[in-house]
N, C-alpha and C. Protein backbone atom coordinates (compact mmCIF):
# COMPACT_ATOMS: atom_id res chain seq x y z
N MET A 1 -6.81 15.81 29.28
CA MET A 1 -5.63 16.30 28.60
C MET A 1 -5.87 17.78 28.28
N SER A 2 -4.98 18.62 28.75
CA SER A 2 -5.14 20.05 28.53
C SER A 2 -4.19 20.57 27.46
N GLU A 3 -3.33 19.72 26.95
CA GLU A 3 -2.36 20.15 25.94
C GLU A 3 -3.05 20.26 24.58
N LYS A 4 -2.67 21.28 23.84
CA LYS A 4 -3.22 21.53 22.51
C LYS A 4 -2.81 20.41 21.55
N LEU A 5 -3.75 19.97 20.71
CA LEU A 5 -3.47 18.97 19.67
C LEU A 5 -3.14 19.71 18.38
N VAL A 6 -2.16 19.18 17.65
CA VAL A 6 -1.79 19.76 16.37
C VAL A 6 -1.79 18.67 15.29
N ILE A 7 -2.07 19.07 14.07
CA ILE A 7 -2.08 18.14 12.94
C ILE A 7 -0.64 17.88 12.52
N VAL A 8 -0.26 16.59 12.48
CA VAL A 8 1.10 16.23 12.05
C VAL A 8 1.11 15.61 10.67
N ALA A 9 -0.05 15.13 10.20
CA ALA A 9 -0.12 14.53 8.85
C ALA A 9 -1.57 14.48 8.40
N ARG A 10 -1.73 14.46 7.08
CA ARG A 10 -3.06 14.31 6.44
C ARG A 10 -2.96 13.20 5.41
N TYR A 11 -4.02 12.42 5.31
CA TYR A 11 -4.07 11.32 4.36
C TYR A 11 -5.45 11.27 3.70
N THR A 12 -5.50 10.72 2.51
CA THR A 12 -6.78 10.44 1.86
C THR A 12 -7.03 8.94 1.81
N ASP A 13 -6.03 8.16 2.17
CA ASP A 13 -6.14 6.70 2.16
C ASP A 13 -6.21 6.19 3.59
N TYR A 14 -7.29 5.50 3.91
CA TYR A 14 -7.50 5.01 5.28
C TYR A 14 -6.38 4.08 5.74
N LEU A 15 -5.95 3.16 4.88
CA LEU A 15 -4.92 2.20 5.28
C LEU A 15 -3.58 2.88 5.55
N GLU A 16 -3.22 3.84 4.72
CA GLU A 16 -1.97 4.57 4.92
C GLU A 16 -2.03 5.35 6.24
N ALA A 17 -3.16 5.97 6.51
CA ALA A 17 -3.33 6.72 7.75
C ALA A 17 -3.25 5.80 8.96
N ASP A 18 -3.86 4.63 8.86
CA ASP A 18 -3.85 3.69 9.98
C ASP A 18 -2.44 3.15 10.23
N LEU A 19 -1.70 2.88 9.17
CA LEU A 19 -0.31 2.42 9.34
C LEU A 19 0.53 3.50 10.01
N ALA A 20 0.34 4.74 9.62
CA ALA A 20 1.08 5.85 10.23
C ALA A 20 0.70 5.99 11.70
N ARG A 21 -0.58 5.86 11.99
CA ARG A 21 -1.05 5.94 13.38
C ARG A 21 -0.41 4.85 14.23
N GLN A 22 -0.40 3.62 13.71
CA GLN A 22 0.19 2.50 14.44
C GLN A 22 1.69 2.72 14.65
N MET A 23 2.37 3.23 13.64
CA MET A 23 3.80 3.48 13.73
C MET A 23 4.09 4.48 14.86
N LEU A 24 3.31 5.55 14.92
CA LEU A 24 3.52 6.55 15.96
C LEU A 24 3.21 5.98 17.34
N GLU A 25 2.14 5.21 17.45
CA GLU A 25 1.81 4.60 18.74
C GLU A 25 2.91 3.65 19.19
N ASP A 26 3.49 2.90 18.24
CA ASP A 26 4.59 1.99 18.58
C ASP A 26 5.80 2.74 19.12
N GLU A 27 5.95 4.01 18.73
CA GLU A 27 7.07 4.84 19.19
C GLU A 27 6.71 5.61 20.47
N GLY A 28 5.54 5.32 21.02
CA GLY A 28 5.14 5.96 22.27
C GLY A 28 4.51 7.33 22.11
N ILE A 29 4.11 7.66 20.89
CA ILE A 29 3.48 8.96 20.62
C ILE A 29 1.96 8.79 20.75
N GLN A 30 1.36 9.68 21.51
CA GLN A 30 -0.10 9.67 21.62
C GLN A 30 -0.65 10.31 20.35
N VAL A 31 -1.51 9.59 19.63
CA VAL A 31 -1.99 10.08 18.34
C VAL A 31 -3.50 9.86 18.22
N PHE A 32 -4.14 10.81 17.58
CA PHE A 32 -5.58 10.75 17.36
C PHE A 32 -5.84 10.87 15.88
N ALA A 33 -6.71 10.02 15.35
CA ALA A 33 -7.07 10.05 13.93
C ALA A 33 -8.48 10.62 13.82
N LEU A 34 -8.62 11.65 13.02
CA LEU A 34 -9.93 12.27 12.80
C LEU A 34 -10.33 12.08 11.35
N GLY A 35 -11.59 11.68 11.13
CA GLY A 35 -12.10 11.52 9.79
C GLY A 35 -11.93 10.12 9.24
N GLN A 36 -11.41 9.18 10.04
CA GLN A 36 -11.11 7.85 9.52
C GLN A 36 -12.36 7.03 9.22
N ASN A 37 -13.48 7.34 9.81
CA ASN A 37 -14.69 6.54 9.57
C ASN A 37 -15.64 7.17 8.57
N VAL A 38 -15.30 8.33 8.05
CA VAL A 38 -16.18 9.02 7.11
C VAL A 38 -16.41 8.19 5.86
N GLY A 39 -15.39 7.52 5.36
CA GLY A 39 -15.54 6.70 4.16
C GLY A 39 -16.52 5.56 4.34
N ASN A 40 -16.67 5.07 5.56
CA ASN A 40 -17.59 3.97 5.83
C ASN A 40 -19.05 4.39 5.71
N VAL A 41 -19.34 5.67 5.85
CA VAL A 41 -20.70 6.18 5.77
C VAL A 41 -21.30 5.94 4.39
N TYR A 42 -20.45 5.94 3.37
CA TYR A 42 -20.92 5.82 2.00
C TYR A 42 -21.07 4.39 1.54
N SER A 43 -20.98 3.46 2.45
CA SER A 43 -21.29 2.06 2.16
C SER A 43 -20.50 1.49 0.99
N GLY A 44 -19.20 1.66 1.04
CA GLY A 44 -18.35 1.07 0.02
C GLY A 44 -18.08 1.95 -1.18
N VAL A 45 -18.78 3.07 -1.29
CA VAL A 45 -18.53 3.98 -2.40
C VAL A 45 -17.24 4.73 -2.11
N PRO A 46 -16.27 4.67 -3.01
CA PRO A 46 -15.01 5.38 -2.75
C PRO A 46 -15.25 6.88 -2.56
N ALA A 47 -14.67 7.41 -1.52
CA ALA A 47 -14.81 8.84 -1.24
C ALA A 47 -13.45 9.40 -0.89
N VAL A 48 -13.21 10.62 -1.31
CA VAL A 48 -11.98 11.29 -0.91
C VAL A 48 -12.21 11.82 0.49
N VAL A 49 -11.39 11.35 1.40
CA VAL A 49 -11.56 11.68 2.80
C VAL A 49 -10.30 12.36 3.31
N ASP A 50 -10.47 13.39 4.09
CA ASP A 50 -9.34 14.06 4.72
C ASP A 50 -9.17 13.47 6.12
N ILE A 51 -8.22 12.56 6.26
CA ILE A 51 -7.94 11.95 7.55
C ILE A 51 -6.76 12.69 8.15
N GLN A 52 -6.95 13.19 9.34
CA GLN A 52 -5.91 13.95 10.02
C GLN A 52 -5.35 13.14 11.18
N LEU A 53 -4.03 13.12 11.30
CA LEU A 53 -3.40 12.57 12.49
C LEU A 53 -2.97 13.74 13.35
N GLN A 54 -3.40 13.73 14.61
CA GLN A 54 -3.06 14.79 15.53
C GLN A 54 -2.33 14.22 16.74
N THR A 55 -1.40 15.00 17.26
CA THR A 55 -0.67 14.62 18.46
C THR A 55 -0.64 15.81 19.40
N PRO A 56 -0.33 15.57 20.67
CA PRO A 56 -0.11 16.70 21.56
C PRO A 56 1.04 17.56 21.02
N GLU A 57 0.97 18.83 21.23
CA GLU A 57 1.95 19.76 20.69
C GLU A 57 3.38 19.38 21.09
N SER A 58 3.55 18.86 22.30
CA SER A 58 4.89 18.52 22.78
C SER A 58 5.50 17.32 22.04
N GLN A 59 4.66 16.52 21.35
CA GLN A 59 5.16 15.35 20.63
C GLN A 59 5.11 15.53 19.12
N ALA A 60 4.66 16.69 18.66
CA ALA A 60 4.43 16.91 17.23
C ALA A 60 5.70 16.81 16.40
N GLU A 61 6.76 17.46 16.83
CA GLU A 61 8.01 17.44 16.06
C GLU A 61 8.56 16.02 15.93
N GLU A 62 8.55 15.28 17.03
CA GLU A 62 9.03 13.90 17.00
C GLU A 62 8.18 13.06 16.06
N ALA A 63 6.86 13.26 16.11
CA ALA A 63 5.95 12.50 15.24
C ALA A 63 6.24 12.82 13.77
N LYS A 64 6.42 14.09 13.45
CA LYS A 64 6.72 14.47 12.06
C LYS A 64 8.03 13.86 11.58
N GLU A 65 9.02 13.83 12.45
CA GLU A 65 10.31 13.23 12.09
C GLU A 65 10.17 11.73 11.83
N ILE A 66 9.41 11.05 12.66
CA ILE A 66 9.20 9.61 12.49
C ILE A 66 8.52 9.33 11.15
N LEU A 67 7.47 10.10 10.85
CA LEU A 67 6.74 9.90 9.60
C LEU A 67 7.60 10.25 8.39
N GLU A 68 8.39 11.30 8.50
CA GLU A 68 9.27 11.69 7.39
C GLU A 68 10.34 10.63 7.16
N ASP A 69 10.91 10.11 8.23
CA ASP A 69 11.91 9.03 8.10
C ASP A 69 11.30 7.80 7.43
N ALA A 70 10.07 7.48 7.79
CA ALA A 70 9.40 6.32 7.21
C ALA A 70 9.14 6.55 5.72
N ARG A 71 8.72 7.77 5.34
CA ARG A 71 8.49 8.09 3.93
C ARG A 71 9.80 7.99 3.14
N HIS A 72 10.86 8.53 3.73
CA HIS A 72 12.17 8.49 3.06
C HIS A 72 12.63 7.05 2.88
N GLU A 73 12.47 6.24 3.90
CA GLU A 73 12.87 4.83 3.82
C GLU A 73 12.08 4.10 2.74
N ALA A 74 10.78 4.39 2.65
CA ALA A 74 9.95 3.75 1.63
C ALA A 74 10.38 4.19 0.24
N ASP A 75 10.75 5.47 0.08
CA ASP A 75 11.21 5.97 -1.21
C ASP A 75 12.52 5.31 -1.63
N VAL A 76 13.43 5.15 -0.67
CA VAL A 76 14.74 4.54 -0.95
C VAL A 76 14.57 3.08 -1.35
N GLU A 77 13.70 2.37 -0.64
CA GLU A 77 13.48 0.96 -0.94
C GLU A 77 12.65 0.77 -2.20
N GLY A 78 11.94 1.81 -2.61
CA GLY A 78 11.16 1.73 -3.84
C GLY A 78 9.82 1.04 -3.68
N GLY A 79 9.46 0.65 -2.48
CA GLY A 79 8.18 0.00 -2.26
C GLY A 79 8.08 -1.31 -3.02
N LEU A 80 6.88 -1.75 -3.28
CA LEU A 80 6.66 -3.01 -3.99
C LEU A 80 6.64 -2.84 -5.50
N GLU A 81 6.54 -1.60 -5.95
CA GLU A 81 6.41 -1.35 -7.38
C GLU A 81 7.64 -1.80 -8.16
N GLY A 82 8.81 -1.73 -7.56
CA GLY A 82 10.04 -2.08 -8.26
C GLY A 82 10.40 -3.55 -8.14
N GLU A 83 9.60 -4.31 -7.45
CA GLU A 83 9.92 -5.73 -7.24
C GLU A 83 9.77 -6.53 -8.53
N ASP A 84 10.68 -7.47 -8.73
CA ASP A 84 10.58 -8.40 -9.84
C ASP A 84 10.12 -9.73 -9.26
N TRP A 85 8.83 -9.96 -9.34
CA TRP A 85 8.25 -11.14 -8.68
C TRP A 85 8.64 -12.43 -9.35
N ASP A 86 9.14 -12.39 -10.58
CA ASP A 86 9.53 -13.61 -11.29
C ASP A 86 11.00 -13.97 -11.08
N GLU A 87 11.72 -13.15 -10.35
CA GLU A 87 13.15 -13.35 -10.17
C GLU A 87 13.47 -14.72 -9.57
N ASP A 88 12.73 -15.17 -8.58
CA ASP A 88 12.96 -16.47 -7.95
C ASP A 88 12.70 -17.61 -8.92
N ASP A 89 11.69 -17.44 -9.78
CA ASP A 89 11.39 -18.49 -10.75
C ASP A 89 12.53 -18.68 -11.73
N GLU A 90 13.16 -17.59 -12.16
CA GLU A 90 14.26 -17.67 -13.12
C GLU A 90 15.47 -18.35 -12.52
N GLU A 91 15.71 -18.13 -11.21
CA GLU A 91 16.87 -18.73 -10.56
C GLU A 91 16.71 -20.24 -10.43
N GLN A 92 15.48 -20.73 -10.34
CA GLN A 92 15.22 -22.15 -10.15
C GLN A 92 15.38 -22.93 -11.45
N GLU A 93 15.29 -22.26 -12.59
CA GLU A 93 15.34 -22.96 -13.88
C GLU A 93 16.73 -23.39 -14.24
């Protein structure tokens, strides 16, 4: 591959970075994660890690749009923090 790689996102959480990587791959974007195994070196000790997602320059804008849309969708839905887990129990009573 002779095309220049560019950083499209940075994460400190391995799981969040891996989900973003999988999302981009599912959309046909070639993506490389750098720094994802650094946290494993410390044998379970939490470490702040700079995980970078990189794509070929020609796919960078599309990748950024996909990630931004996903962030916006998560913000609109409110994630799991706004869930009322007891709601189903109250309806059954």
